[in-house]
């Protein structure tokens, strides 16, 4: 990546917005998962939980990248 501080800030800001979107998606999927479980669709709920786990894992990677950009 460029040593341009403005580019790093813009990249970190964009990643922060993506991270917020990811958290919102995870929350929405969690709500749907609870509804699925309550209505006896456990196999689909299990798949939704896997999706949430993937979002959580990727969110950590995005967070790490944001921190690295903001500290450099």
PDB file of N, CA and C in Angstrom:
ATOM      1  N   UNK A   1       0.842  -1.181   0.000  1.00  0.00           N
ATOM      2  CA  UNK A   1       0.000   0.000   0.000  1.00  0.00           C
ATOM      3  C   UNK A   1       0.875   1.227   0.000  1.00  0.00           C
ATOM      4  N   UNK A   2       0.361   2.266  -0.522  1.00  0.00           N
ATOM      5  CA  UNK A   2       1.035   3.558  -0.595  1.00  0.00           C
ATOM      6  C   UNK A   2       1.331   4.080   0.811  1.00  0.00           C
ATOM      7  N   UNK A   3       2.371   4.898   0.915  1.00  0.00           N
ATOM      8  CA  UNK A   3       2.659   5.554   2.187  1.00  0.00           C
ATOM      9  C   UNK A   3       1.845   6.830   2.358  1.00  0.00           C
ATOM     10  N   UNK A   4       0.900   7.059   1.461  1.00  0.00           N
ATOM     11  CA  UNK A   4       0.045   8.235   1.496  1.00  0.00           C
ATOM     12  C   UNK A   4      -0.909   8.131   2.694  1.00  0.00           C
ATOM     13  N   UNK A   5      -0.738   9.012   3.700  1.00  0.00           N
ATOM     14  CA  UNK A   5      -1.594   8.915   4.883  1.00  0.00           C
ATOM     15  C   UNK A   5      -3.076   9.110   4.579  1.00  0.00           C
ATOM     16  N   UNK A   6      -3.388   9.969   3.607  1.00  0.00           N
ATOM     17  CA  UNK A   6      -4.798  10.183   3.266  1.00  0.00           C
ATOM     18  C   UNK A   6      -5.422   8.922   2.675  1.00  0.00           C
ATOM     19  N   UNK A   7      -4.638   8.192   1.885  1.00  0.00           N
ATOM     20  CA  UNK A   7      -5.137   6.944   1.312  1.00  0.00           C
ATOM     21  C   UNK A   7      -5.363   5.905   2.402  1.00  0.00           C
ATOM     22  N   UNK A   8      -4.477   5.872   3.390  1.00  0.00           N
ATOM     23  CA  UNK A   8      -4.642   4.924   4.508  1.00  0.00           C
ATOM     24  C   UNK A   8      -5.889   5.257   5.325  1.00  0.00           C
ATOM     25  N   UNK A   9      -6.101   6.540   5.557  1.00  0.00           N
ATOM     26  CA  UNK A   9      -7.290   6.954   6.313  1.00  0.00           C
ATOM     27  C   UNK A   9      -8.555   6.606   5.539  1.00  0.00           C
ATOM     28  N   UNK A  10      -8.566   6.878   4.249  1.00  0.00           N
ATOM     29  CA  UNK A  10      -9.741   6.569   3.420  1.00  0.00           C
ATOM     30  C   UNK A  10      -9.997   5.062   3.391  1.00  0.00           C
ATOM     31  N   UNK A  11      -8.936   4.282   3.298  1.00  0.00           N
ATOM     32  CA  UNK A  11      -9.085   2.821   3.293  1.00  0.00           C
ATOM     33  C   UNK A  11      -9.614   2.335   4.629  1.00  0.00           C
ATOM     34  N   UNK A  12      -9.059   2.850   5.721  1.00  0.00           N
ATOM     35  CA  UNK A  12      -9.528   2.456   7.053  1.00  0.00           C
ATOM     36  C   UNK A  12     -10.985   2.858   7.256  1.00  0.00           C
ATOM     37  N   UNK A  13     -11.352   4.049   6.777  1.00  0.00           N
ATOM     38  CA  UNK A  13     -12.746   4.494   6.899  1.00  0.00           C
ATOM     39  C   UNK A  13     -13.688   3.582   6.107  1.00  0.00           C
ATOM     40  N   UNK A  14     -13.280   3.201   4.901  1.00  0.00           N
ATOM     41  CA  UNK A  14     -14.110   2.310   4.079  1.00  0.00           C
ATOM     42  C   UNK A  14     -14.247   0.940   4.738  1.00  0.00           C
ATOM     43  N   UNK A  15     -13.139   0.433   5.277  1.00  0.00           N
ATOM     44  CA  UNK A  15     -13.188  -0.860   5.965  1.00  0.00           C
ATOM     45  C   UNK A  15     -14.072  -0.781   7.207  1.00  0.00           C
ATOM     46  N   UNK A  16     -14.054   0.355   7.884  1.00  0.00           N
ATOM     47  CA  UNK A  16     -14.904   0.532   9.060  1.00  0.00           C
ATOM     48  C   UNK A  16     -16.377   0.464   8.676  1.00  0.00           C
ATOM     49  N   UNK A  17     -16.734   1.093   7.572  1.00  0.00           N
ATOM     50  CA  UNK A  17     -18.122   1.011   7.098  1.00  0.00           C
ATOM     51  C   UNK A  17     -18.504  -0.421   6.740  1.00  0.00           C
ATOM     52  N   UNK A  18     -17.600  -1.133   6.084  1.00  0.00           N
ATOM     53  CA  UNK A  18     -17.863  -2.541   5.763  1.00  0.00           C
ATOM     54  C   UNK A  18     -18.020  -3.370   7.031  1.00  0.00           C
ATOM     55  N   UNK A  19     -17.214  -3.081   8.033  1.00  0.00           N
ATOM     56  CA  UNK A  19     -17.320  -3.795   9.301  1.00  0.00           C
ATOM     57  C   UNK A  19     -18.676  -3.536   9.954  1.00  0.00           C
ATOM     58  N   UNK A  20     -19.134  -2.285   9.916  1.00  0.00           N
ATOM     59  CA  UNK A  20     -20.457  -1.974  10.469  1.00  0.00           C
ATOM     60  C   UNK A  20     -21.550  -2.728   9.716  1.00  0.00           C
ATOM     61  N   UNK A  21     -21.412  -2.811   8.401  1.00  0.00           N
ATOM     62  CA  UNK A  21     -22.377  -3.579   7.604  1.00  0.00           C
ATOM     63  C   UNK A  21     -22.355  -5.043   8.005  1.00  0.00           C
ATOM     64  N   UNK A  22     -21.159  -5.558   8.237  1.00  0.00           N
ATOM     65  CA  UNK A  22     -21.043  -6.960   8.613  1.00  0.00           C
ATOM     66  C   UNK A  22     -21.721  -7.230   9.953  1.00  0.00           C
ATOM     67  N   UNK A  23     -21.552  -6.311  10.897  1.00  0.00           N
ATOM     68  CA  UNK A  23     -22.215  -6.470  12.193  1.00  0.00           C
ATOM     69  C   UNK A  23     -23.740  -6.413  12.030  1.00  0.00           C
ATOM     70  N   UNK A  24     -24.215  -5.531  11.175  1.00  0.00           N
ATOM     71  CA  UNK A  24     -25.660  -5.430  10.939  1.00  0.00           C
ATOM     72  C   UNK A  24     -26.201  -6.707  10.300  1.00  0.00           C
ATOM     73  N   UNK A  25     -25.465  -7.239   9.342  1.00  0.00           N
ATOM     74  CA  UNK A  25     -25.888  -8.497   8.709  1.00  0.00           C
ATOM     75  C   UNK A  25     -25.907  -9.636   9.720  1.00  0.00           C
ATOM     76  N   UNK A  26     -24.903  -9.703  10.552  1.00  0.00           N
ATOM     77  CA  UNK A  26     -24.865 -10.760  11.569  1.00  0.00           C
ATOM     78  C   UNK A  26     -26.056 -10.644  12.509  1.00  0.00           C
ATOM     79  N   UNK A  27     -26.400  -9.427  12.904  1.00  0.00           N
ATOM     80  CA  UNK A  27     -27.553  -9.226  13.791  1.00  0.00           C
ATOM     81  C   UNK A  27     -28.849  -9.657  13.106  1.00  0.00           C
ATOM     82  N   UNK A  28     -28.977  -9.318  11.831  1.00  0.00           N
ATOM     83  CA  UNK A  28     -30.185  -9.713  11.095  1.00  0.00           C
ATOM     84  C   UNK A  28     -30.265 -11.234  10.953  1.00  0.00           C
ATOM     85  N   UNK A  29     -29.146 -11.848  10.631  1.00  0.00           N
ATOM     86  CA  UNK A  29     -29.130 -13.312  10.493  1.00  0.00           C
ATOM     87  C   UNK A  29     -29.445 -13.961  11.835  1.00  0.00           C
ATOM     88  N   UNK A  30     -28.952 -13.377  12.919  1.00  0.00           N
ATOM     89  CA  UNK A  30     -29.234 -13.922  14.246  1.00  0.00           C
ATOM     90  C   UNK A  30     -30.729 -13.870  14.554  1.00  0.00           C
ATOM     91  N   UNK A  31     -31.375 -12.768  14.186  1.00  0.00           N
ATOM     92  CA  UNK A  31     -32.827 -12.657  14.396  1.00  0.00           C
ATOM     93  C   UNK A  31     -33.577 -13.727  13.598  1.00  0.00           C
ATOM     94  N   UNK A  32     -33.203 -13.910  12.345  1.00  0.00           N
ATOM     95  CA  UNK A  32     -33.837 -14.926  11.507  1.00  0.00           C
ATOM     96  C   UNK A  32     -33.569 -16.319  12.082  1.00  0.00           C
ATOM     97  N   UNK A  33     -32.362 -16.527  12.579  1.00  0.00           N
ATOM     98  CA  UNK A  33     -32.003 -17.825  13.161  1.00  0.00           C
ATOM     99  C   UNK A  33     -32.882 -18.150  14.361  1.00  0.00           C
ATOM    100  N   UNK A  34     -33.106 -17.148  15.209  1.00  0.00           N
ATOM    101  CA  UNK A  34     -33.967 -17.388  16.379  1.00  0.00           C
ATOM    102  C   UNK A  34     -35.386 -17.729  15.937  1.00  0.00           C
ATOM    103  N   UNK A  35     -35.883 -17.036  14.918  1.00  0.00           N
ATOM    104  CA  UNK A  35     -37.221 -17.324  14.418  1.00  0.00           C
ATOM    105  C   UNK A  35     -37.283 -18.736  13.835  1.00  0.00           C
ATOM    106  N   UNK A  36     -36.249 -19.104  13.081  1.00  0.00           N
ATOM    107  CA  UNK A  36     -36.213 -20.448  12.492  1.00  0.00           C
ATOM    108  C   UNK A  36     -36.223 -21.519  13.572  1.00  0.00           C
ATOM    109  N   UNK A  37     -35.413 -21.325  14.597  1.00  0.00           N
ATOM    110  CA  UNK A  37     -35.360 -22.297  15.695  1.00  0.00           C
ATOM    111  C   UNK A  37     -36.698 -22.395  16.407  1.00  0.00           C
ATOM    112  N   UNK A  38     -37.328 -21.246  16.624  1.00  0.00           N
ATOM    113  CA  UNK A  38     -38.615 -21.235  17.317  1.00  0.00           C
ATOM    114  C   UNK A  38     -39.711 -21.894  16.497  1.00  0.00           C
ATOM    115  N   UNK A  39     -39.517 -21.960  15.184  1.00  0.00           N
ATOM    116  CA  UNK A  39     -40.530 -22.543  14.305  1.00  0.00           C
ATOM    117  C   UNK A  39     -40.138 -23.907  13.757  1.00  0.00           C
ATOM    118  N   UNK A  40     -39.180 -24.539  14.417  1.00  0.00           N
ATOM    119  CA  UNK A  40     -38.848 -25.921  14.104  1.00  0.00           C
ATOM    120  C   UNK A  40     -38.030 -26.154  12.848  1.00  0.00           C
ATOM    121  N   UNK A  41     -37.359 -25.163  12.373  1.00  0.00           N
ATOM    122  CA  UNK A  41     -36.550 -25.326  11.164  1.00  0.00           C
ATOM    123  C   UNK A  41     -35.069 -25.324  11.586  1.00  0.00           C
ATOM    124  N   UNK A  42     -34.732 -26.306  12.404  1.00  0.00           N
ATOM    125  CA  UNK A  42     -33.408 -26.325  13.024  1.00  0.00           C
ATOM    126  C   UNK A  42     -32.267 -26.521  12.034  1.00  0.00           C
ATOM    127  N   UNK A  43     -32.475 -27.273  10.970  1.00  0.00           N
ATOM    128  CA  UNK A  43     -31.377 -27.493  10.023  1.00  0.00           C
ATOM    129  C   UNK A  43     -31.006 -26.190   9.307  1.00  0.00           C
ATOM    130  N   UNK A  44     -32.006 -25.384   8.985  1.00  0.00           N
ATOM    131  CA  UNK A  44     -31.736 -24.091   8.349  1.00  0.00           C
ATOM    132  C   UNK A  44     -31.117 -23.147   9.370  1.00  0.00           C
ATOM    133  N   UNK A  45     -31.576 -23.207  10.601  1.00  0.00           N
ATOM    134  CA  UNK A  45     -31.005 -22.369  11.662  1.00  0.00           C
ATOM    135  C   UNK A  45     -29.528 -22.704  11.859  1.00  0.00           C
ATOM    136  N   UNK A  46     -29.172 -23.966  11.783  1.00  0.00           N
ATOM    137  CA  UNK A  46     -27.765 -24.370  11.927  1.00  0.00           C
ATOM    138  C   UNK A  46     -26.916 -23.774  10.809  1.00  0.00           C
ATOM    139  N   UNK A  47     -27.450 -23.740   9.597  1.00  0.00           N
ATOM    140  CA  UNK A  47     -26.725 -23.119   8.484  1.00  0.00           C
ATOM    141  C   UNK A  47     -26.558 -21.618   8.712  1.00  0.00           C
ATOM    142  N   UNK A  48     -27.578 -20.988   9.266  1.00  0.00           N
ATOM    143  CA  UNK A  48     -27.501 -19.556   9.545  1.00  0.00           C
ATOM    144  C   UNK A  48     -26.446 -19.277  10.612  1.00  0.00           C
ATOM    145  N   UNK A  49     -26.347 -20.150  11.602  1.00  0.00           N
ATOM    146  CA  UNK A  49     -25.321 -19.993  12.633  1.00  0.00           C
ATOM    147  C   UNK A  49     -23.931 -20.093  12.019  1.00  0.00           C
ATOM    148  N   UNK A  50     -23.758 -20.984  11.064  1.00  0.00           N
ATOM    149  CA  UNK A  50     -22.468 -21.087  10.362  1.00  0.00           C
ATOM    150  C   UNK A  50     -22.144 -19.790   9.634  1.00  0.00           C
ATOM    151  N   UNK A  51     -23.154 -19.177   9.047  1.00  0.00           N
ATOM    152  CA  UNK A  51     -22.940 -17.900   8.357  1.00  0.00           C
ATOM    153  C   UNK A  51     -22.514 -16.815   9.347  1.00  0.00           C
ATOM    154  N   UNK A  52     -23.131 -16.802  10.513  1.00  0.00           N
ATOM    155  CA  UNK A  52     -22.761 -15.827  11.541  1.00  0.00           C
ATOM    156  C   UNK A  52     -21.316 -16.043  11.986  1.00  0.00           C
ATOM    157  N   UNK A  53     -20.927 -17.291  12.158  1.00  0.00           N
ATOM    158  CA  UNK A  53     -19.548 -17.597  12.564  1.00  0.00           C
ATOM    159  C   UNK A  53     -18.548 -17.101  11.520  1.00  0.00           C
ATOM    160  N   UNK A  54     -18.883 -17.261  10.247  1.00  0.00           N
ATOM    161  CA  UNK A  54     -18.011 -16.767   9.180  1.00  0.00           C
ATOM    162  C   UNK A  54     -17.920 -15.250   9.236  1.00  0.00           C
ATOM    163  N   UNK A  55     -19.051 -14.574   9.414  1.00  0.00           N
ATOM    164  CA  UNK A  55     -19.037 -13.116   9.533  1.00  0.00           C
ATOM    165  C   UNK A  55     -18.178 -12.674  10.714  1.00  0.00           C
ATOM    166  N   UNK A  56     -18.297 -13.373  11.839  1.00  0.00           N
ATOM    167  CA  UNK A  56     -17.504 -13.019  13.020  1.00  0.00           C
ATOM    168  C   UNK A  56     -16.009 -13.193  12.768  1.00  0.00           C
ATOM    169  N   UNK A  57     -15.647 -14.299  12.128  1.00  0.00           N
ATOM    170  CA  UNK A  57     -14.239 -14.548  11.819  1.00  0.00           C
ATOM    171  C   UNK A  57     -13.691 -13.471  10.895  1.00  0.00           C
ATOM    172  N   UNK A  58     -14.431 -13.154   9.854  1.00  0.00           N
ATOM    173  CA  UNK A  58     -13.984 -12.142   8.904  1.00  0.00           C
ATOM    174  C   UNK A  58     -13.987 -10.752   9.527  1.00  0.00           C
ATOM    175  N   UNK A  59     -14.899 -10.492  10.436  1.00  0.00           N
ATOM    176  CA  UNK A  59     -14.937  -9.199  11.116  1.00  0.00           C
ATOM    177  C   UNK A  59     -13.645  -8.972  11.894  1.00  0.00           C
ATOM    178  N   UNK A  60     -13.128 -10.024  12.490  1.00  0.00           N
ATOM    179  CA  UNK A  60     -11.872  -9.882  13.231  1.00  0.00           C
ATOM    180  C   UNK A  60     -10.730  -9.521  12.289  1.00  0.00           C
ATOM    181  N   UNK A  61     -10.682 -10.128  11.120  1.00  0.00           N
ATOM    182  CA  UNK A  61      -9.653  -9.794  10.135  1.00  0.00           C
ATOM    183  C   UNK A  61      -9.763  -8.364   9.652  1.00  0.00           C
ATOM    184  N   UNK A  62     -10.986  -7.910   9.437  1.00  0.00           N
ATOM    185  CA  UNK A  62     -11.199  -6.523   9.014  1.00  0.00           C
ATOM    186  C   UNK A  62     -10.779  -5.568  10.133  1.00  0.00           C
ATOM    187  N   UNK A  63     -11.132  -5.896  11.371  1.00  0.00           N
ATOM    188  CA  UNK A  63     -10.743  -5.071  12.515  1.00  0.00           C
ATOM    189  C   UNK A  63      -9.230  -4.958  12.615  1.00  0.00           C
ATOM    190  N   UNK A  64      -8.546  -6.081  12.452  1.00  0.00           N
ATOM    191  CA  UNK A  64      -7.082  -6.080  12.508  1.00  0.00           C
ATOM    192  C   UNK A  64      -6.493  -5.183  11.413  1.00  0.00           C
ATOM    193  N   UNK A  65      -7.051  -5.258  10.210  1.00  0.00           N
ATOM    194  CA  UNK A  65      -6.562  -4.432   9.106  1.00  0.00           C
ATOM    195  C   UNK A  65      -6.804  -2.949   9.377  1.00  0.00           C
ATOM    196  N   UNK A  66      -7.968  -2.629   9.935  1.00  0.00           N
ATOM    197  CA  UNK A  66      -8.273  -1.238  10.274  1.00  0.00           C
ATOM    198  C   UNK A  66      -7.268  -0.711  11.291  1.00  0.00           C
ATOM    199  N   UNK A  67      -7.021  -1.507  12.316  1.00  0.00           N
ATOM    200  CA  UNK A  67      -6.070  -1.078  13.354  1.00  0.00           C
ATOM    201  C   UNK A  67      -4.669  -0.878  12.786  1.00  0.00           C
ATOM    202  N   UNK A  68      -4.259  -1.768  11.914  1.00  0.00           N
ATOM    203  CA  UNK A  68      -2.941  -1.645  11.306  1.00  0.00           C
ATOM    204  C   UNK A  68      -2.844  -0.368  10.469  1.00  0.00           C
ATOM    205  N   UNK A  69      -3.883  -0.096   9.686  1.00  0.00           N
ATOM    206  CA  UNK A  69      -3.882   1.135   8.875  1.00  0.00           C
ATOM    207  C   UNK A  69      -3.874   2.387   9.747  1.00  0.00           C
ATOM    208  N   UNK A  70      -4.648   2.376  10.803  1.00  0.00           N
ATOM    209  CA  UNK A  70      -4.759   3.573  11.645  1.00  0.00           C
ATOM    210  C   UNK A  70      -3.487   3.806  12.463  1.00  0.00           C
ATOM    211  N   UNK A  71      -2.719   2.755  12.719  1.00  0.00           N
ATOM    212  CA  UNK A  71      -1.501   2.909  13.517  1.00  0.00           C
ATOM    213  C   UNK A  71      -0.280   3.227  12.653  1.00  0.00           C
ATOM    214  N   UNK A  72      -0.420   3.093  11.338  1.00  0.00           N
ATOM    215  CA  UNK A  72       0.748   3.344  10.492  1.00  0.00           C
ATOM    216  C   UNK A  72       0.762   4.747   9.933  1.00  0.00           C
TER     217      UNK A  72
END
